[in-house]
C-alpha atoms as a PDB file:
ATOM      1  CA  UNK A   1       0.267  -1.244  21.992  1.00  0.00           C
ATOM      2  CA  UNK A   2      -2.640   1.215  21.540  1.00  0.00           C
ATOM      3  CA  UNK A   3      -3.741   1.668  17.947  1.00  0.00           C
ATOM      4  CA  UNK A   4      -6.026   3.987  16.049  1.00  0.00           C
ATOM      5  CA  UNK A   5      -7.683   3.679  12.651  1.00  0.00           C
ATOM      6  CA  UNK A   6      -8.302   6.693  10.428  1.00  0.00           C
ATOM      7  CA  UNK A   7     -10.754   5.831   7.669  1.00  0.00           C
ATOM      8  CA  UNK A   8     -12.976   7.203   4.921  1.00  0.00           C
ATOM      9  CA  UNK A   9     -15.654   5.733   2.656  1.00  0.00           C
ATOM     10  CA  UNK A  10     -16.961   6.573  -0.799  1.00  0.00           C
ATOM     11  CA  UNK A  11     -20.434   5.790  -2.048  1.00  0.00           C
ATOM     12  CA  UNK A  12     -22.301   5.039  -5.279  1.00  0.00           C
ATOM     13  CA  UNK A  13     -24.664   7.960  -4.739  1.00  0.00           C
ATOM     14  CA  UNK A  14     -25.575  10.806  -2.436  1.00  0.00           C
ATOM     15  CA  UNK A  15     -28.195   9.848   0.177  1.00  0.00           C
ATOM     16  CA  UNK A  16     -31.462  11.791  -0.039  1.00  0.00           C
ATOM     17  CA  UNK A  17     -32.672  13.495   3.113  1.00  0.00           C
ATOM     18  CA  UNK A  18     -36.037  12.323   4.409  1.00  0.00           C
ATOM     19  CA  UNK A  19     -38.126  12.978   7.521  1.00  0.00           C
ATOM     20  CA  UNK A  20     -38.405  10.150  10.067  1.00  0.00           C
ATOM     21  CA  UNK A  21     -41.461   9.357  12.212  1.00  0.00           C
ATOM     22  CA  UNK A  22     -40.483  12.151  14.619  1.00  0.00           C
ATOM     23  CA  UNK A  23     -40.166  14.765  11.890  1.00  0.00           C
ATOM     24  CA  UNK A  24     -36.370  14.818  12.003  1.00  0.00           C
ATOM     25  CA  UNK A  25     -34.742  15.114   8.589  1.00  0.00           C
ATOM     26  CA  UNK A  26     -31.989  12.530   8.181  1.00  0.00           C
ATOM     27  CA  UNK A  27     -30.022  11.099   5.243  1.00  0.00           C
ATOM     28  CA  UNK A  28     -31.511   7.843   3.931  1.00  0.00           C
ATOM     29  CA  UNK A  29     -28.895   5.187   3.137  1.00  0.00           C
ATOM     30  CA  UNK A  30     -31.378   2.505   2.077  1.00  0.00           C
ATOM     31  CA  UNK A  31     -30.345   2.630  -1.577  1.00  0.00           C
ATOM     32  CA  UNK A  32     -26.818   4.033  -1.220  1.00  0.00           C
ATOM     33  CA  UNK A  33     -23.872   1.643  -0.914  1.00  0.00           C
ATOM     34  CA  UNK A  34     -20.212   1.948   0.001  1.00  0.00           C
ATOM     35  CA  UNK A  35     -17.965   1.446  -3.027  1.00  0.00           C
ATOM     36  CA  UNK A  36     -14.552   1.651  -1.370  1.00  0.00           C
ATOM     37  CA  UNK A  37     -13.169   2.252   2.101  1.00  0.00           C
ATOM     38  CA  UNK A  38      -9.583   3.266   2.824  1.00  0.00           C
ATOM     39  CA  UNK A  39      -7.930   3.182   6.230  1.00  0.00           C
ATOM     40  CA  UNK A  40      -4.642   4.018   7.888  1.00  0.00           C
ATOM     41  CA  UNK A  41      -3.802   1.948  10.978  1.00  0.00           C
ATOM     42  CA  UNK A  42      -1.461   3.815  13.314  1.00  0.00           C
ATOM     43  CA  UNK A  43       0.491   2.720  16.383  1.00  0.00           C
ATOM     44  CA  UNK A  44       0.089   5.263  19.140  1.00  0.00           C
ATOM     45  CA  UNK A  45       3.729   4.988  20.185  1.00  0.00           C
ATOM     46  CA  UNK A  46       4.827   6.170  16.722  1.00  0.00           C
ATOM     47  CA  UNK A  47       2.597   9.221  16.473  1.00  0.00           C
ATOM     48  CA  UNK A  48       2.820  11.755  14.873  1.00  0.00           C
ATOM     49  CA  UNK A  49       4.698   9.635  12.319  1.00  0.00           C
ATOM     50  CA  UNK A  50       2.339   8.582   9.523  1.00  0.00           C
ATOM     51  CA  UNK A  51       4.965   6.928   7.327  1.00  0.00           C
ATOM     52  CA  UNK A  52       4.811   3.654   9.253  1.00  0.00           C
ATOM     53  CA  UNK A  53       1.023   3.485   9.198  1.00  0.00           C
ATOM     54  CA  UNK A  54      -0.477   0.343   7.676  1.00  0.00           C
ATOM     55  CA  UNK A  55      -2.781   1.058   4.733  1.00  0.00           C
ATOM     56  CA  UNK A  56      -5.934  -0.891   3.969  1.00  0.00           C
ATOM     57  CA  UNK A  57      -8.363  -0.673   1.044  1.00  0.00           C
ATOM     58  CA  UNK A  58     -11.635  -2.610   0.823  1.00  0.00           C
ATOM     59  CA  UNK A  59     -13.782  -2.695  -2.337  1.00  0.00           C
ATOM     60  CA  UNK A  60     -17.417  -3.654  -2.174  1.00  0.00           C
ATOM     61  CA  UNK A  61     -17.062  -6.181  -5.003  1.00  0.00           C
ATOM     62  CA  UNK A  62     -13.773  -7.774  -3.879  1.00  0.00           C
ATOM     63  CA  UNK A  63     -14.029 -10.416  -1.147  1.00  0.00           C
ATOM     64  CA  UNK A  64     -11.292 -12.479   0.551  1.00  0.00           C
ATOM     65  CA  UNK A  65     -13.357 -15.640   0.050  1.00  0.00           C
ATOM     66  CA  UNK A  66     -16.796 -16.686  -1.120  1.00  0.00           C
ATOM     67  CA  UNK A  67     -19.474 -15.658   1.367  1.00  0.00           C
ATOM     68  CA  UNK A  68     -17.177 -13.277   3.286  1.00  0.00           C
ATOM     69  CA  UNK A  69     -18.244  -9.652   3.536  1.00  0.00           C
ATOM     70  CA  UNK A  70     -15.893  -7.356   1.565  1.00  0.00           C
ATOM     71  CA  UNK A  71     -15.442  -5.033   4.545  1.00  0.00           C
ATOM     72  CA  UNK A  72     -14.560  -7.787   7.021  1.00  0.00           C
ATOM     73  CA  UNK A  73     -10.913  -6.680   7.280  1.00  0.00           C
ATOM     74  CA  UNK A  74     -11.905  -3.081   8.017  1.00  0.00           C
ATOM     75  CA  UNK A  75     -14.346  -4.058  10.748  1.00  0.00           C
ATOM     76  CA  UNK A  76     -11.678  -6.300  12.300  1.00  0.00           C
ATOM     77  CA  UNK A  77      -9.337  -3.296  12.472  1.00  0.00           C
ATOM     78  CA  UNK A  78     -12.126  -1.366  14.200  1.00  0.00           C
ATOM     79  CA  UNK A  79     -12.448  -4.211  16.736  1.00  0.00           C
ATOM     80  CA  UNK A  80      -8.757  -3.960  17.613  1.00  0.00           C
ATOM     81  CA  UNK A  81      -8.475  -0.155  17.612  1.00  0.00           C
ATOM     82  CA  UNK A  82      -8.632   2.030  20.693  1.00  0.00           C
ATOM     83  CA  UNK A  83      -9.841   5.031  18.664  1.00  0.00           C
ATOM     84  CA  UNK A  84     -11.466   5.277  15.221  1.00  0.00           C
ATOM     85  CA  UNK A  85     -10.981   8.622  13.460  1.00  0.00           C
ATOM     86  CA  UNK A  86     -13.332   9.982  10.795  1.00  0.00           C
ATOM     87  CA  UNK A  87     -14.470  13.226   9.252  1.00  0.00           C
ATOM     88  CA  UNK A  88     -18.293  13.278   9.470  1.00  0.00           C
ATOM     89  CA  UNK A  89     -18.293   9.562  10.226  1.00  0.00           C
ATOM     90  CA  UNK A  90     -21.302   9.681  12.544  1.00  0.00           C
ATOM     91  CA  UNK A  91     -23.556  11.024   9.811  1.00  0.00           C
ATOM     92  CA  UNK A  92     -22.018   9.406   6.725  1.00  0.00           C
ATOM     93  CA  UNK A  93     -19.339   6.718   6.921  1.00  0.00           C
ATOM     94  CA  UNK A  94     -20.811   4.594   9.688  1.00  0.00           C
ATOM     95  CA  UNK A  95     -24.405   4.717   8.403  1.00  0.00           C
ATOM     96  CA  UNK A  96     -23.029   3.827   4.970  1.00  0.00           C
ATOM     97  CA  UNK A  97     -21.262   0.762   6.399  1.00  0.00           C
ATOM     98  CA  UNK A  98     -24.072  -0.288   8.732  1.00  0.00           C
ATOM     99  CA  UNK A  99     -25.524  -3.000   6.467  1.00  0.00           C
ATOM    100  CA  UNK A 100     -22.144  -4.756   6.576  1.00  0.00           C
ATOM    101  CA  UNK A 101     -22.500  -5.240  10.326  1.00  0.00           C
ATOM    102  CA  UNK A 102     -25.526  -7.490   9.713  1.00  0.00           C
ATOM    103  CA  UNK A 103     -27.376  -5.557  12.414  1.00  0.00           C
ATOM    104  CA  UNK A 104     -30.540  -7.566  11.827  1.00  0.00           C
ATOM    105  CA  UNK A 105     -28.603 -10.737  12.602  1.00  0.00           C
ATOM    106  CA  UNK A 106     -26.861  -9.857  15.832  1.00  0.00           C
ATOM    107  CA  UNK A 107     -24.325  -7.319  14.618  1.00  0.00           C
ATOM    108  CA  UNK A 108     -25.859  -4.254  16.240  1.00  0.00           C
ATOM    109  CA  UNK A 109     -23.770  -4.345  19.473  1.00  0.00           C
ATOM    110  CA  UNK A 110     -20.596  -4.419  17.379  1.00  0.00           C
ATOM    111  CA  UNK A 111     -21.780  -1.405  15.390  1.00  0.00           C
ATOM    112  CA  UNK A 112     -22.394   0.612  18.548  1.00  0.00           C
ATOM    113  CA  UNK A 113     -19.076  -0.458  20.093  1.00  0.00           C
ATOM    114  CA  UNK A 114     -17.365   1.012  17.061  1.00  0.00           C
ATOM    115  CA  UNK A 115     -19.432   4.196  17.217  1.00  0.00           C
ATOM    116  CA  UNK A 116     -18.409   4.585  20.863  1.00  0.00           C
ATOM    117  CA  UNK A 117     -14.738   4.569  19.787  1.00  0.00           C
ATOM    118  CA  UNK A 118     -15.281   7.134  17.041  1.00  0.00           C
ATOM    119  CA  UNK A 119     -13.403  10.430  17.216  1.00  0.00           C
ATOM    120  CA  UNK A 120     -15.273  12.441  14.577  1.00  0.00           C
ATOM    121  CA  UNK A 121     -13.235  15.521  13.716  1.00  0.00           C
ATOM    122  CA  UNK A 122     -16.191  17.189  11.996  1.00  0.00           C
ATOM    123  CA  UNK A 123     -18.394  16.777  15.066  1.00  0.00           C
ATOM    124  CA  UNK A 124     -15.687  17.943  17.457  1.00  0.00           C
ATOM    125  CA  UNK A 125     -14.989  21.117  15.493  1.00  0.00           C
ATOM    126  CA  UNK A 126     -18.673  21.860  14.947  1.00  0.00           C
ATOM    127  CA  UNK A 127     -19.371  21.499  18.665  1.00  0.00           C
ATOM    128  CA  UNK A 128     -16.578  23.901  19.591  1.00  0.00           C
ATOM    129  CA  UNK A 129     -17.185  26.523  16.894  1.00  0.00           C
ATOM    130  CA  UNK A 130     -20.900  26.169  15.998  1.00  0.00           C
ATOM    131  CA  UNK A 131     -19.786  26.122  12.343  1.00  0.00           C
ATOM    132  CA  UNK A 132     -20.060  23.361   9.742  1.00  0.00           C
ATOM    133  CA  UNK A 133     -16.689  23.074   8.043  1.00  0.00           C
ATOM    134  CA  UNK A 134     -15.992  21.096   4.920  1.00  0.00           C
ATOM    135  CA  UNK A 135     -12.757  19.142   5.143  1.00  0.00           C
ATOM    136  CA  UNK A 136     -11.231  21.202   2.338  1.00  0.00           C
ATOM    137  CA  UNK A 137     -11.789  24.442   4.257  1.00  0.00           C
ATOM    138  CA  UNK A 138     -10.046  23.200   7.396  1.00  0.00           C
ATOM    139  CA  UNK A 139      -7.142  21.955   5.296  1.00  0.00           C
ATOM    140  CA  UNK A 140      -6.822  25.382   3.687  1.00  0.00           C
ATOM    141  CA  UNK A 141      -6.976  27.204   7.010  1.00  0.00           C
ATOM    142  CA  UNK A 142      -4.224  24.994   8.399  1.00  0.00           C
ATOM    143  CA  UNK A 143      -1.854  25.109   5.433  1.00  0.00           C
ATOM    144  CA  UNK A 144      -2.379  21.467   4.403  1.00  0.00           C
ATOM    145  CA  UNK A 145      -2.873  20.545   0.712  1.00  0.00           C
ATOM    146  CA  UNK A 146      -6.534  20.151  -0.170  1.00  0.00           C
ATOM    147  CA  UNK A 147      -8.610  17.231  -1.351  1.00  0.00           C
ATOM    148  CA  UNK A 148      -7.831  15.861  -4.797  1.00  0.00           C
ATOM    149  CA  UNK A 149     -11.480  15.816  -5.910  1.00  0.00           C
ATOM    150  CA  UNK A 150     -15.019  15.826  -4.462  1.00  0.00           C
ATOM    151  CA  UNK A 151     -17.540  13.320  -3.158  1.00  0.00           C
ATOM    152  CA  UNK A 152     -19.792  13.860  -6.169  1.00  0.00           C
ATOM    153  CA  UNK A 153     -16.906  13.201  -8.540  1.00  0.00           C
ATOM    154  CA  UNK A 154     -15.990  10.085  -6.533  1.00  0.00           C
ATOM    155  CA  UNK A 155     -19.440   8.696  -7.331  1.00  0.00           C
ATOM    156  CA  UNK A 156     -18.767   9.237 -11.030  1.00  0.00           C
ATOM    157  CA  UNK A 157     -15.324   7.632 -10.736  1.00  0.00           C
ATOM    158  CA  UNK A 158     -17.029   4.443  -9.554  1.00  0.00           C
ATOM    159  CA  UNK A 159     -19.421   4.320 -12.494  1.00  0.00           C
ATOM    160  CA  UNK A 160     -16.591   5.146 -14.908  1.00  0.00           C
ATOM    161  CA  UNK A 161     -14.467   2.327 -13.426  1.00  0.00           C
ATOM    162  CA  UNK A 162     -11.685   4.803 -12.577  1.00  0.00           C
ATOM    163  CA  UNK A 163     -10.636   2.676  -9.628  1.00  0.00           C
ATOM    164  CA  UNK A 164      -7.078   3.830  -9.192  1.00  0.00           C
ATOM    165  CA  UNK A 165      -8.207   7.443  -9.154  1.00  0.00           C
ATOM    166  CA  UNK A 166     -11.021   6.652  -6.735  1.00  0.00           C
ATOM    167  CA  UNK A 167      -8.729   4.792  -4.344  1.00  0.00           C
ATOM    168  CA  UNK A 168      -6.174   7.616  -4.434  1.00  0.00           C
ATOM    169  CA  UNK A 169      -8.905  10.168  -3.692  1.00  0.00           C
ATOM    170  CA  UNK A 170     -10.242   8.158  -0.743  1.00  0.00           C
ATOM    171  CA  UNK A 171      -6.767   7.412   0.644  1.00  0.00           C
ATOM    172  CA  UNK A 172      -5.801  11.087   0.351  1.00  0.00           C
ATOM    173  CA  UNK A 173      -8.823  12.084   2.439  1.00  0.00           C
ATOM    174  CA  UNK A 174      -7.667   9.610   5.087  1.00  0.00           C
ATOM    175  CA  UNK A 175      -4.149  11.031   5.133  1.00  0.00           C
ATOM    176  CA  UNK A 176      -5.368  14.629   5.252  1.00  0.00           C
ATOM    177  CA  UNK A 177      -7.712  13.835   8.145  1.00  0.00           C
ATOM    178  CA  UNK A 178      -4.830  12.199  10.003  1.00  0.00           C
ATOM    179  CA  UNK A 179      -2.669  15.280   9.442  1.00  0.00           C
ATOM    180  CA  UNK A 180      -5.377  17.512  10.892  1.00  0.00           C
ATOM    181  CA  UNK A 181      -5.969  15.503  14.069  1.00  0.00           C
ATOM    182  CA  UNK A 182      -2.235  15.454  14.765  1.00  0.00           C
ATOM    183  CA  UNK A 183      -1.753  19.224  14.616  1.00  0.00           C
ATOM    184  CA  UNK A 184      -0.728  20.926  17.891  1.00  0.00           C
ATOM    185  CA  UNK A 185      -3.633  23.355  17.393  1.00  0.00           C
ATOM    186  CA  UNK A 186      -6.346  23.806  14.782  1.00  0.00           C
ATOM    187  CA  UNK A 187      -6.979  27.076  12.973  1.00  0.00           C
ATOM    188  CA  UNK A 188     -10.625  27.696  12.148  1.00  0.00           C
ATOM    189  CA  UNK A 189     -10.724  31.297  10.941  1.00  0.00           C
ATOM    190  CA  UNK A 190     -11.144  32.968  14.315  1.00  0.00           C
ATOM    191  CA  UNK A 191      -9.192  33.227  17.551  1.00  0.00           C
ATOM    192  CA  UNK A 192      -8.199  31.444  19.619  1.00  0.00           C
ATOM    193  CA  UNK A 193      -7.308  28.299  17.646  1.00  0.00           C
ATOM    194  CA  UNK A 194      -8.715  25.031  18.965  1.00  0.00           C
ATOM    195  CA  UNK A 195      -6.413  23.163  21.370  1.00  0.00           C
ATOM    196  CA  UNK A 196      -5.617  19.486  20.906  1.00  0.00           C
ATOM    197  CA  UNK A 197      -7.909  18.579  23.777  1.00  0.00           C
ATOM    198  CA  UNK A 198     -10.869  19.573  21.580  1.00  0.00           C
ATOM    199  CA  UNK A 199      -9.980  17.922  18.281  1.00  0.00           C
ATOM    200  CA  UNK A 200      -6.711  16.014  18.639  1.00  0.00           C
ATOM    201  CA  UNK A 201      -5.982  12.325  18.280  1.00  0.00           C
ATOM    202  CA  UNK A 202      -3.307  12.037  20.970  1.00  0.00           C
ATOM    203  CA  UNK A 203      -5.592  13.193  23.842  1.00  0.00           C
ATOM    204  CA  UNK A 204      -8.364  10.932  22.503  1.00  0.00           C
ATOM    205  CA  UNK A 205      -6.135   7.850  22.506  1.00  0.00           C
ATOM    206  CA  UNK A 206      -4.774   8.648  25.958  1.00  0.00           C
ATOM    207  CA  UNK A 207      -8.313   8.968  27.288  1.00  0.00           C
ATOM    208  CA  UNK A 208      -9.371   5.706  25.620  1.00  0.00           C
ATOM    209  CA  UNK A 209      -6.420   3.779  27.043  1.00  0.00           C
ATOM    210  CA  UNK A 210      -6.962   5.216  30.534  1.00  0.00           C
ATOM    211  CA  UNK A 211     -10.594   4.027  30.753  1.00  0.00           C
END
């Protein structure tokens, strides 16, 4: 049965933007770490039902066994998924998780296999509208309740050890992203609205399964 994983990560800081050797300004994740990742694993045959989705939370300091990476379970879900859904995952969530792929020790192909499965809602909407939308704005435009906090506050939650609040914030972002990609059309403040073929999860899974 085809599956998809909707996920979101929080960090212990905001990555500074630095210029690379080609003069391109990119976020630098060298000293920024993932604190928690939440995911919702969905069976394609049950979409758009989210109630039966399987929830997963991984903390950076909680491991299943000594010597096992704390995000092992999440990466295993990525392995099995046909589509991985994010909001700004190409520029934030995946770079944030990259060190957990052990890319310097043979994990790089796995990282790029997961990137190839990624359906990044932010990137899809930006490409179709030439506008950079925050998740909260798209939620508002589409009549979906907004985020419960902000990324900057999520950093502070980690340092304040407000774990329950942090997990709820991260998991809510996952659920809201899932609600957006399952809409029949996406409002973006102008006409016409975006059709599912541009942003939607169902067409993305169908395309992934067909290839």
